[in-house]
Amino acid sequence: MAEAYLILRVTTFHASLLTSYLVEVANRAVQLFFAFVPFGVGVEEGAAAGTLKALGYGASQGVSLAILRRARTVFGAALGVLFAARYCVARPIEAN
């Protein structure tokens, strides 16, 4: 909920905690009922756009929220892969 609030606050400048809570509830419900969609492509964006449009915001703000969340997920996964590659790859033994 804090992530949704922060993103909405930065992108719309007039977000409320109730709005971010409702967007988060819609996101969790979509993840529960549409878990069979690979990677949730399009589903999370549609839920965020629909929820925000119903609350009086623009649908584009919902899509922006979902895209920024997905970018955060991709960034975190990439960072994890880099750390794993850095610390889990065997290093060559140095000869003295």
C-alpha atoms as a PDB file:
ATOM      1  CA  MET A   1       0.000   0.000   0.000  1.00  0.00           C
ATOM      2  CA  ALA A   2       2.855   2.368   0.782  1.00  0.00           C
ATOM      3  CA  GLU A   3       4.364   1.755  -2.642  1.00  0.00           C
ATOM      4  CA  ALA A   4       1.061   2.516  -4.380  1.00  0.00           C
ATOM      5  CA  TYR A   5       0.625   5.654  -2.267  1.00  0.00           C
ATOM      6  CA  LEU A   6       4.135   6.876  -3.016  1.00  0.00           C
ATOM      7  CA  ILE A   7       3.825   6.283  -6.765  1.00  0.00           C
ATOM      8  CA  LEU A   8       0.382   7.898  -6.902  1.00  0.00           C
ATOM      9  CA  ARG A   9       1.595  10.830  -4.832  1.00  0.00           C
ATOM     10  CA  VAL A  10       4.520  11.425  -7.188  1.00  0.00           C
ATOM     11  CA  THR A  11       2.555  10.952 -10.407  1.00  0.00           C
ATOM     12  CA  THR A  12      -0.828  12.518  -9.530  1.00  0.00           C
ATOM     13  CA  PHE A  13       0.042  14.886  -6.632  1.00  0.00           C
ATOM     14  CA  HIS A  14      -3.368  14.347  -5.006  1.00  0.00           C
ATOM     15  CA  ALA A  15      -3.504  10.727  -3.891  1.00  0.00           C
ATOM     16  CA  SER A  16      -5.029   9.598  -0.625  1.00  0.00           C
ATOM     17  CA  LEU A  17      -4.386   6.598   1.580  1.00  0.00           C
ATOM     18  CA  LEU A  18      -7.875   5.301   0.795  1.00  0.00           C
ATOM     19  CA  THR A  19      -7.151   5.429  -2.926  1.00  0.00           C
ATOM     20  CA  SER A  20      -3.892   3.531  -2.530  1.00  0.00           C
ATOM     21  CA  TYR A  21      -5.636   0.989  -0.285  1.00  0.00           C
ATOM     22  CA  LEU A  22      -8.379   0.376  -2.857  1.00  0.00           C
ATOM     23  CA  VAL A  23      -5.848   0.057  -5.674  1.00  0.00           C
ATOM     24  CA  GLU A  24      -3.884  -2.450  -3.604  1.00  0.00           C
ATOM     25  CA  VAL A  25      -7.025  -4.469  -2.797  1.00  0.00           C
ATOM     26  CA  ALA A  26      -7.929  -4.576  -6.498  1.00  0.00           C
ATOM     27  CA  ASN A  27      -4.384  -5.634  -7.366  1.00  0.00           C
ATOM     28  CA  ARG A  28      -4.437  -8.497  -4.839  1.00  0.00           C
ATOM     29  CA  ALA A  29      -7.874  -9.643  -6.003  1.00  0.00           C
ATOM     30  CA  VAL A  30      -6.709  -9.702  -9.606  1.00  0.00           C
ATOM     31  CA  GLN A  31      -3.606 -11.677  -8.638  1.00  0.00           C
ATOM     32  CA  LEU A  32      -5.829 -14.174  -6.829  1.00  0.00           C
ATOM     33  CA  PHE A  33      -8.432 -14.678  -9.553  1.00  0.00           C
ATOM     34  CA  PHE A  34      -6.222 -14.337 -12.631  1.00  0.00           C
ATOM     35  CA  ALA A  35      -3.192 -16.284 -11.449  1.00  0.00           C
ATOM     36  CA  PHE A  36      -3.285 -18.401 -14.619  1.00  0.00           C
ATOM     37  CA  VAL A  37      -2.269 -15.460 -16.832  1.00  0.00           C
ATOM     38  CA  PRO A  38       1.498 -15.714 -17.419  1.00  0.00           C
ATOM     39  CA  PHE A  39       3.298 -12.958 -15.509  1.00  0.00           C
ATOM     40  CA  GLY A  40      -0.010 -11.137 -15.102  1.00  0.00           C
ATOM     41  CA  VAL A  41       0.615  -9.365 -18.394  1.00  0.00           C
ATOM     42  CA  GLY A  42      -2.075  -6.767 -18.894  1.00  0.00           C
ATOM     43  CA  VAL A  43      -4.185  -7.919 -15.980  1.00  0.00           C
ATOM     44  CA  GLU A  44      -2.558  -5.795 -13.277  1.00  0.00           C
ATOM     45  CA  GLU A  45      -2.460  -2.784 -15.574  1.00  0.00           C
ATOM     46  CA  GLY A  46      -6.149  -3.164 -16.357  1.00  0.00           C
ATOM     47  CA  ALA A  47      -7.091  -3.551 -12.698  1.00  0.00           C
ATOM     48  CA  ALA A  48      -5.142  -0.462 -11.668  1.00  0.00           C
ATOM     49  CA  ALA A  49      -6.563   1.559 -14.571  1.00  0.00           C
ATOM     50  CA  GLY A  50     -10.107   0.434 -13.856  1.00  0.00           C
ATOM     51  CA  THR A  51      -9.862   1.074 -10.143  1.00  0.00           C
ATOM     52  CA  LEU A  52      -8.423   4.552 -10.543  1.00  0.00           C
ATOM     53  CA  LYS A  53     -10.902   5.434 -13.271  1.00  0.00           C
ATOM     54  CA  ALA A  54     -13.749   4.381 -10.960  1.00  0.00           C
ATOM     55  CA  LEU A  55     -12.272   6.616  -8.246  1.00  0.00           C
ATOM     56  CA  GLY A  56     -12.181   9.660 -10.521  1.00  0.00           C
ATOM     57  CA  TYR A  57      -8.581   9.529 -11.685  1.00  0.00           C
ATOM     58  CA  GLY A  58      -7.448   8.963 -15.239  1.00  0.00           C
ATOM     59  CA  ALA A  59      -6.998   5.422 -16.503  1.00  0.00           C
ATOM     60  CA  SER A  60      -3.527   6.415 -17.688  1.00  0.00           C
ATOM     61  CA  GLN A  61      -2.504   7.022 -14.081  1.00  0.00           C
ATOM     62  CA  GLY A  62      -3.429   3.439 -13.256  1.00  0.00           C
ATOM     63  CA  VAL A  63      -1.414   2.123 -16.154  1.00  0.00           C
ATOM     64  CA  SER A  64       1.529   4.286 -15.077  1.00  0.00           C
ATOM     65  CA  LEU A  65       1.271   2.881 -11.557  1.00  0.00           C
ATOM     66  CA  ALA A  66       1.293  -0.700 -12.826  1.00  0.00           C
ATOM     67  CA  ILE A  67       4.180  -0.074 -15.222  1.00  0.00           C
ATOM     68  CA  LEU A  68       6.286   1.543 -12.492  1.00  0.00           C
ATOM     69  CA  ARG A  69       5.565  -1.411 -10.206  1.00  0.00           C
ATOM     70  CA  ARG A  70       6.585  -3.833 -12.937  1.00  0.00           C
ATOM     71  CA  ALA A  71       9.777  -1.816 -13.559  1.00  0.00           C
ATOM     72  CA  ARG A  72      10.566  -2.055  -9.839  1.00  0.00           C
ATOM     73  CA  THR A  73      10.098  -5.816 -10.003  1.00  0.00           C
ATOM     74  CA  VAL A  74      12.361  -6.154 -13.046  1.00  0.00           C
ATOM     75  CA  PHE A  75      15.001  -3.932 -11.433  1.00  0.00           C
ATOM     76  CA  GLY A  76      14.938  -5.981  -8.226  1.00  0.00           C
ATOM     77  CA  ALA A  77      15.225  -9.250 -10.135  1.00  0.00           C
ATOM     78  CA  ALA A  78      18.116  -7.918 -12.223  1.00  0.00           C
ATOM     79  CA  LEU A  79      19.879  -6.719  -9.099  1.00  0.00           C
ATOM     80  CA  GLY A  80      19.416 -10.134  -7.505  1.00  0.00           C
ATOM     81  CA  VAL A  81      20.856 -11.877 -10.555  1.00  0.00           C
ATOM     82  CA  LEU A  82      23.859  -9.548 -10.518  1.00  0.00           C
ATOM     83  CA  PHE A  83      24.501 -10.230  -6.836  1.00  0.00           C
ATOM     84  CA  ALA A  84      24.106 -13.960  -7.374  1.00  0.00           C
ATOM     85  CA  ALA A  85      26.512 -13.876 -10.300  1.00  0.00           C
ATOM     86  CA  ARG A  86      28.988 -11.817  -8.310  1.00  0.00           C
ATOM     87  CA  TYR A  87      29.043 -13.955  -5.197  1.00  0.00           C
ATOM     88  CA  CYS A  88      28.139 -17.447  -6.399  1.00  0.00           C
ATOM     89  CA  VAL A  89      30.419 -17.900  -9.372  1.00  0.00           C
ATOM     90  CA  ALA A  90      33.524 -19.845  -8.471  1.00  0.00           C
ATOM     91  CA  ARG A  91      36.698 -17.814  -8.524  1.00  0.00           C
ATOM     92  CA  PRO A  92      39.889 -19.264  -9.966  1.00  0.00           C
ATOM     93  CA  ILE A  93      42.502 -20.368  -7.442  1.00  0.00           C
ATOM     94  CA  GLU A  94      45.559 -18.154  -7.483  1.00  0.00           C
ATOM     95  CA  ALA A  95      48.963 -19.839  -7.706  1.00  0.00           C
ATOM     96  CA  ASN A  96      51.610 -18.633  -5.271  1.00  0.00           C
END
